[in-house]
């Protein structure tokens, strides 16, 4: 078996416009396409990260909350690689996005931190 890369990560949000604003205007992801599916009462927004990775942002009527704390089984968080974590943290904080203190990974020695999207999905910044 040969898996080439992660193609996309899918996220279901509770407030489509708020999440779209967060991922596009705060995190700076580029819109590839946006579709409204009337039969599902659902938006699907394809966003570009870097050169080819994607996030699919979905809206559905009344999606259930995702348990985060205490941590539940399943996907733990979404992580973005960054060149300079301090610059990104300052930019997020200037946009009123709270971040955890920058920590150092005891295994790799790399710096990282976490913040949340509008639905409290944990997002990690991991310094290259």
Foldseek 3Di string as FASTA:
>chain_A
DDDDDAAEAEDEDADVVQLVCCVCVQVNWAWPDWDQDVVQRKIWTWTDDDPGHIYIYMYGPPDDADDQVVHDDDDHAAEDEDADVVVSQVSCVVVVWDKDDWDADPVPRWIKIWTAGPSRGIYMYTYD
